Amino acid sequence: MPTRNQHDEVIAKLMKRPGVRKEVERIEREEGELLDALLKARHDAGLTQSQLAERMGTHAPAIARLERSLATGKHSPSITTLRKYAQACGKNLLLRLA
């Protein structure tokens, strides 16, 4: 099994490839835009993480993990979770292909 250092070296090599770097930057940008939209919806609704969690039928730490995961890019929430989040904020989730 590769060590953490070997993993980091492989990632560093991959990130030197223009196509890989461009795709990673695109994903990070899109996830950042999604996080911004979710946080704006929650703030516009005047909800704390705890209040949002209650409306979603979950607990505040789950909301914190969801928001943090988008900020770090370590996890992509399901469409169902995003829909619940939006609905709990009084919004609708709209997806589009461009």
N, C-alpha and C. Protein backbone atom coordinates (compact mmCIF):
# COMPACT_ATOMS: atom_id res chain seq x y z
N MET A 1 0.85 -1.18 0.00
CA MET A 1 0.00 0.00 0.00
C MET A 1 0.89 1.25 0.00
N PRO A 2 0.57 2.22 -0.86
CA PRO A 2 1.40 3.43 -0.93
C PRO A 2 1.33 4.24 0.37
N THR A 3 2.42 4.90 0.67
CA THR A 3 2.45 5.77 1.84
C THR A 3 1.83 7.12 1.49
N ARG A 4 1.55 7.90 2.50
CA ARG A 4 0.99 9.24 2.29
C ARG A 4 1.93 10.08 1.43
N ASN A 5 3.22 9.95 1.67
CA ASN A 5 4.20 10.73 0.90
C ASN A 5 4.16 10.33 -0.58
N GLN A 6 4.04 9.02 -0.86
CA GLN A 6 3.95 8.57 -2.25
C GLN A 6 2.68 9.10 -2.91
N HIS A 7 1.60 9.08 -2.15
CA HIS A 7 0.32 9.61 -2.65
C HIS A 7 0.47 11.09 -3.00
N ASP A 8 1.08 11.84 -2.11
CA ASP A 8 1.28 13.27 -2.35
C ASP A 8 2.14 13.51 -3.59
N GLU A 9 3.14 12.66 -3.80
CA GLU A 9 4.01 12.81 -4.96
C GLU A 9 3.23 12.55 -6.26
N VAL A 10 2.38 11.54 -6.26
CA VAL A 10 1.56 11.24 -7.44
C VAL A 10 0.62 12.42 -7.73
N ILE A 11 -0.01 12.94 -6.69
CA ILE A 11 -0.91 14.08 -6.86
C ILE A 11 -0.15 15.28 -7.42
N ALA A 12 1.02 15.55 -6.88
CA ALA A 12 1.83 16.68 -7.36
C ALA A 12 2.18 16.51 -8.84
N LYS A 13 2.53 15.29 -9.25
CA LYS A 13 2.83 15.04 -10.67
C LYS A 13 1.60 15.25 -11.53
N LEU A 14 0.47 14.73 -11.09
CA LEU A 14 -0.77 14.89 -11.86
C LEU A 14 -1.16 16.36 -12.00
N MET A 15 -0.99 17.12 -10.93
CA MET A 15 -1.39 18.53 -10.95
C MET A 15 -0.52 19.36 -11.89
N LYS A 16 0.62 18.84 -12.30
CA LYS A 16 1.47 19.54 -13.26
C LYS A 16 0.92 19.41 -14.68
N ARG A 17 0.02 18.44 -14.89
CA ARG A 17 -0.58 18.26 -16.21
C ARG A 17 -1.69 19.30 -16.38
N PRO A 18 -1.62 20.11 -17.44
CA PRO A 18 -2.59 21.20 -17.63
C PRO A 18 -4.05 20.73 -17.62
N GLY A 19 -4.34 19.61 -18.25
CA GLY A 19 -5.72 19.13 -18.30
C GLY A 19 -6.24 18.74 -16.93
N VAL A 20 -5.38 18.12 -16.14
CA VAL A 20 -5.78 17.71 -14.79
C VAL A 20 -5.98 18.95 -13.92
N ARG A 21 -5.04 19.86 -13.97
CA ARG A 21 -5.14 21.08 -13.16
C ARG A 21 -6.41 21.86 -13.51
N LYS A 22 -6.69 21.97 -14.81
CA LYS A 22 -7.88 22.71 -15.25
C LYS A 22 -9.17 22.07 -14.71
N GLU A 23 -9.23 20.74 -14.77
CA GLU A 23 -10.43 20.03 -14.29
C GLU A 23 -10.59 20.18 -12.78
N VAL A 24 -9.51 20.08 -12.04
CA VAL A 24 -9.56 20.26 -10.58
C VAL A 24 -10.02 21.67 -10.25
N GLU A 25 -9.50 22.65 -10.95
CA GLU A 25 -9.91 24.04 -10.72
C GLU A 25 -11.39 24.25 -11.04
N ARG A 26 -11.88 23.61 -12.10
CA ARG A 26 -13.30 23.71 -12.46
C ARG A 26 -14.18 23.13 -11.36
N ILE A 27 -13.81 21.95 -10.88
CA ILE A 27 -14.59 21.31 -9.82
C ILE A 27 -14.58 22.16 -8.56
N GLU A 28 -13.42 22.67 -8.19
CA GLU A 28 -13.33 23.52 -6.99
C GLU A 28 -14.18 24.78 -7.14
N ARG A 29 -14.17 25.38 -8.34
CA ARG A 29 -14.97 26.58 -8.58
C ARG A 29 -16.46 26.27 -8.45
N GLU A 30 -16.89 25.17 -9.07
CA GLU A 30 -18.31 24.81 -9.03
C GLU A 30 -18.76 24.48 -7.60
N GLU A 31 -17.94 23.76 -6.86
CA GLU A 31 -18.30 23.43 -5.49
C GLU A 31 -18.32 24.68 -4.62
N GLY A 32 -17.42 25.61 -4.89
CA GLY A 32 -17.43 26.88 -4.15
C GLY A 32 -18.69 27.68 -4.44
N GLU A 33 -19.12 27.68 -5.70
CA GLU A 33 -20.35 28.38 -6.07
C GLU A 33 -21.57 27.72 -5.42
N LEU A 34 -21.56 26.39 -5.36
CA LEU A 34 -22.66 25.67 -4.71
C LEU A 34 -22.70 26.00 -3.23
N LEU A 35 -21.54 25.98 -2.57
CA LEU A 35 -21.49 26.31 -1.15
C LEU A 35 -21.99 27.73 -0.92
N ASP A 36 -21.55 28.67 -1.74
CA ASP A 36 -22.01 30.06 -1.60
C ASP A 36 -23.53 30.15 -1.71
N ALA A 37 -24.11 29.43 -2.68
CA ALA A 37 -25.56 29.45 -2.87
C ALA A 37 -26.29 28.84 -1.68
N LEU A 38 -25.76 27.73 -1.15
CA LEU A 38 -26.40 27.10 0.01
C LEU A 38 -26.34 28.00 1.24
N LEU A 39 -25.17 28.56 1.49
CA LEU A 39 -25.02 29.44 2.66
C LEU A 39 -25.90 30.68 2.52
N LYS A 40 -25.99 31.23 1.33
CA LYS A 40 -26.85 32.40 1.10
C LYS A 40 -28.31 32.02 1.36
N ALA A 41 -28.74 30.87 0.89
CA ALA A 41 -30.12 30.44 1.11
C ALA A 41 -30.40 30.28 2.60
N ARG A 42 -29.45 29.69 3.33
CA ARG A 42 -29.65 29.51 4.77
C ARG A 42 -29.68 30.85 5.49
N HIS A 43 -28.78 31.73 5.14
CA HIS A 43 -28.75 33.05 5.78
C HIS A 43 -29.97 33.88 5.41
N ASP A 44 -30.39 33.84 4.14
CA ASP A 44 -31.58 34.56 3.71
C ASP A 44 -32.82 34.07 4.44
N ALA A 45 -32.83 32.77 4.77
CA ALA A 45 -33.96 32.20 5.51
C ALA A 45 -33.85 32.50 7.00
N GLY A 46 -32.72 33.07 7.41
CA GLY A 46 -32.53 33.41 8.82
C GLY A 46 -32.35 32.19 9.70
N LEU A 47 -31.76 31.13 9.15
CA LEU A 47 -31.63 29.88 9.88
C LEU A 47 -30.20 29.63 10.35
N THR A 48 -30.10 29.12 11.56
CA THR A 48 -28.82 28.62 12.04
C THR A 48 -28.66 27.19 11.53
N GLN A 49 -27.48 26.63 11.69
CA GLN A 49 -27.29 25.24 11.31
C GLN A 49 -28.23 24.33 12.10
N SER A 50 -28.42 24.63 13.37
CA SER A 50 -29.32 23.81 14.21
C SER A 50 -30.76 23.88 13.71
N GLN A 51 -31.22 25.07 13.38
CA GLN A 51 -32.59 25.22 12.89
C GLN A 51 -32.77 24.52 11.55
N LEU A 52 -31.78 24.65 10.68
CA LEU A 52 -31.85 23.98 9.39
C LEU A 52 -31.86 22.46 9.58
N ALA A 53 -31.01 21.98 10.47
CA ALA A 53 -30.94 20.55 10.75
C ALA A 53 -32.29 20.03 11.24
N GLU A 54 -32.94 20.77 12.11
CA GLU A 54 -34.24 20.35 12.62
C GLU A 54 -35.25 20.24 11.48
N ARG A 55 -35.25 21.21 10.59
CA ARG A 55 -36.17 21.18 9.44
C ARG A 55 -35.86 20.00 8.50
N MET A 56 -34.60 19.61 8.44
CA MET A 56 -34.20 18.51 7.56
C MET A 56 -34.34 17.15 8.24
N GLY A 57 -34.61 17.16 9.54
CA GLY A 57 -34.72 15.90 10.27
C GLY A 57 -33.37 15.28 10.59
N THR A 58 -32.38 16.13 10.82
CA THR A 58 -31.04 15.65 11.14
C THR A 58 -30.50 16.46 12.31
N HIS A 59 -29.19 16.43 12.51
CA HIS A 59 -28.56 17.15 13.62
C HIS A 59 -27.59 18.20 13.09
N ALA A 60 -27.35 19.23 13.89
CA ALA A 60 -26.49 20.34 13.47
C ALA A 60 -25.11 19.88 12.99
N PRO A 61 -24.46 18.91 13.66
CA PRO A 61 -23.14 18.50 13.15
C PRO A 61 -23.19 17.96 11.71
N ALA A 62 -24.31 17.38 11.32
CA ALA A 62 -24.44 16.89 9.94
C ALA A 62 -24.44 18.06 8.96
N ILE A 63 -25.09 19.16 9.34
CA ILE A 63 -25.11 20.35 8.48
C ILE A 63 -23.71 20.96 8.42
N ALA A 64 -23.05 21.02 9.56
CA ALA A 64 -21.69 21.55 9.59
C ALA A 64 -20.77 20.72 8.70
N ARG A 65 -20.90 19.39 8.76
CA ARG A 65 -20.08 18.50 7.92
C ARG A 65 -20.40 18.72 6.44
N LEU A 66 -21.67 18.86 6.12
CA LEU A 66 -22.09 19.09 4.73
C LEU A 66 -21.46 20.37 4.20
N GLU A 67 -21.60 21.45 4.94
CA GLU A 67 -21.05 22.73 4.49
C GLU A 67 -19.53 22.69 4.43
N ARG A 68 -18.91 22.05 5.41
CA ARG A 68 -17.45 21.95 5.43
C ARG A 68 -16.94 21.08 4.28
N SER A 69 -17.69 20.01 3.97
CA SER A 69 -17.26 19.11 2.89
C SER A 69 -17.21 19.84 1.55
N LEU A 70 -18.15 20.73 1.34
CA LEU A 70 -18.14 21.52 0.10
C LEU A 70 -16.99 22.52 0.10
N ALA A 71 -16.69 23.06 1.27
CA ALA A 71 -15.60 24.03 1.37
C ALA A 71 -14.24 23.37 1.11
N THR A 72 -14.12 22.12 1.52
CA THR A 72 -12.84 21.43 1.37
C THR A 72 -12.77 20.56 0.12
N GLY A 73 -13.93 20.31 -0.50
CA GLY A 73 -13.96 19.47 -1.69
C GLY A 73 -13.75 18.00 -1.40
N LYS A 74 -13.95 17.60 -0.15
CA LYS A 74 -13.70 16.21 0.22
C LYS A 74 -14.91 15.30 0.05
N HIS A 75 -16.05 15.88 -0.22
CA HIS A 75 -17.25 15.06 -0.35
C HIS A 75 -18.25 15.83 -1.21
N SER A 76 -18.96 15.11 -2.02
CA SER A 76 -20.03 15.73 -2.81
C SER A 76 -21.36 15.18 -2.32
N PRO A 77 -22.21 16.05 -1.80
CA PRO A 77 -23.50 15.59 -1.29
C PRO A 77 -24.41 15.09 -2.42
N SER A 78 -25.35 14.25 -2.07
CA SER A 78 -26.28 13.72 -3.05
C SER A 78 -27.29 14.80 -3.46
N ILE A 79 -27.93 14.58 -4.58
CA ILE A 79 -28.99 15.48 -5.04
C ILE A 79 -30.11 15.51 -4.01
N THR A 80 -30.42 14.37 -3.43
CA THR A 80 -31.48 14.30 -2.41
C THR A 80 -31.15 15.20 -1.22
N THR A 81 -29.91 15.16 -0.76
CA THR A 81 -29.49 15.99 0.37
C THR A 81 -29.55 17.46 0.00
N LEU A 82 -29.09 17.80 -1.19
CA LEU A 82 -29.14 19.20 -1.63
C LEU A 82 -30.59 19.68 -1.74
N ARG A 83 -31.46 18.81 -2.23
CA ARG A 83 -32.88 19.16 -2.36
C ARG A 83 -33.49 19.42 -0.97
N LYS A 84 -33.19 18.56 0.00
CA LYS A 84 -33.69 18.74 1.37
C LYS A 84 -33.19 20.05 1.97
N TYR A 85 -31.91 20.34 1.76
CA TYR A 85 -31.31 21.57 2.26
C TYR A 85 -32.05 22.78 1.68
N ALA A 86 -32.21 22.76 0.36
CA ALA A 86 -32.89 23.88 -0.30
C ALA A 86 -34.32 24.03 0.20
N GLN A 87 -35.05 22.94 0.28
CA GLN A 87 -36.44 22.99 0.73
C GLN A 87 -36.54 23.48 2.17
N ALA A 88 -35.60 23.09 3.01
CA ALA A 88 -35.60 23.54 4.40
C ALA A 88 -35.38 25.05 4.50
N CYS A 89 -34.76 25.61 3.46
CA CYS A 89 -34.53 27.06 3.40
C CYS A 89 -35.65 27.78 2.66
N GLY A 90 -36.67 27.03 2.25
CA GLY A 90 -37.77 27.63 1.51
C GLY A 90 -37.45 27.86 0.04
N LYS A 91 -36.51 27.12 -0.47
CA LYS A 91 -36.07 27.26 -1.86
C LYS A 91 -36.30 25.96 -2.61
N ASN A 92 -36.13 26.01 -3.93
CA ASN A 92 -36.18 24.83 -4.78
C ASN A 92 -34.81 24.62 -5.37
N LEU A 93 -34.41 23.36 -5.49
CA LEU A 93 -33.15 23.03 -6.15
C LEU A 93 -33.41 22.92 -7.63
N LEU A 94 -32.69 23.69 -8.42
CA LEU A 94 -32.80 23.65 -9.87
C LEU A 94 -31.48 23.19 -10.45
N LEU A 95 -31.52 22.20 -11.32
CA LEU A 95 -30.32 21.72 -11.99
C LEU A 95 -30.46 22.04 -13.47
N ARG A 96 -29.34 22.35 -14.09
CA ARG A 96 -29.39 22.62 -15.52
C ARG A 96 -28.11 22.13 -16.17
N LEU A 97 -28.23 21.76 -17.39
CA LEU A 97 -27.08 21.36 -18.19
C LEU A 97 -26.80 22.50 -19.15
N ALA A 98 -25.57 22.87 -19.27
CA ALA A 98 -25.22 23.98 -20.16
C ALA A 98 -24.39 23.48 -21.31
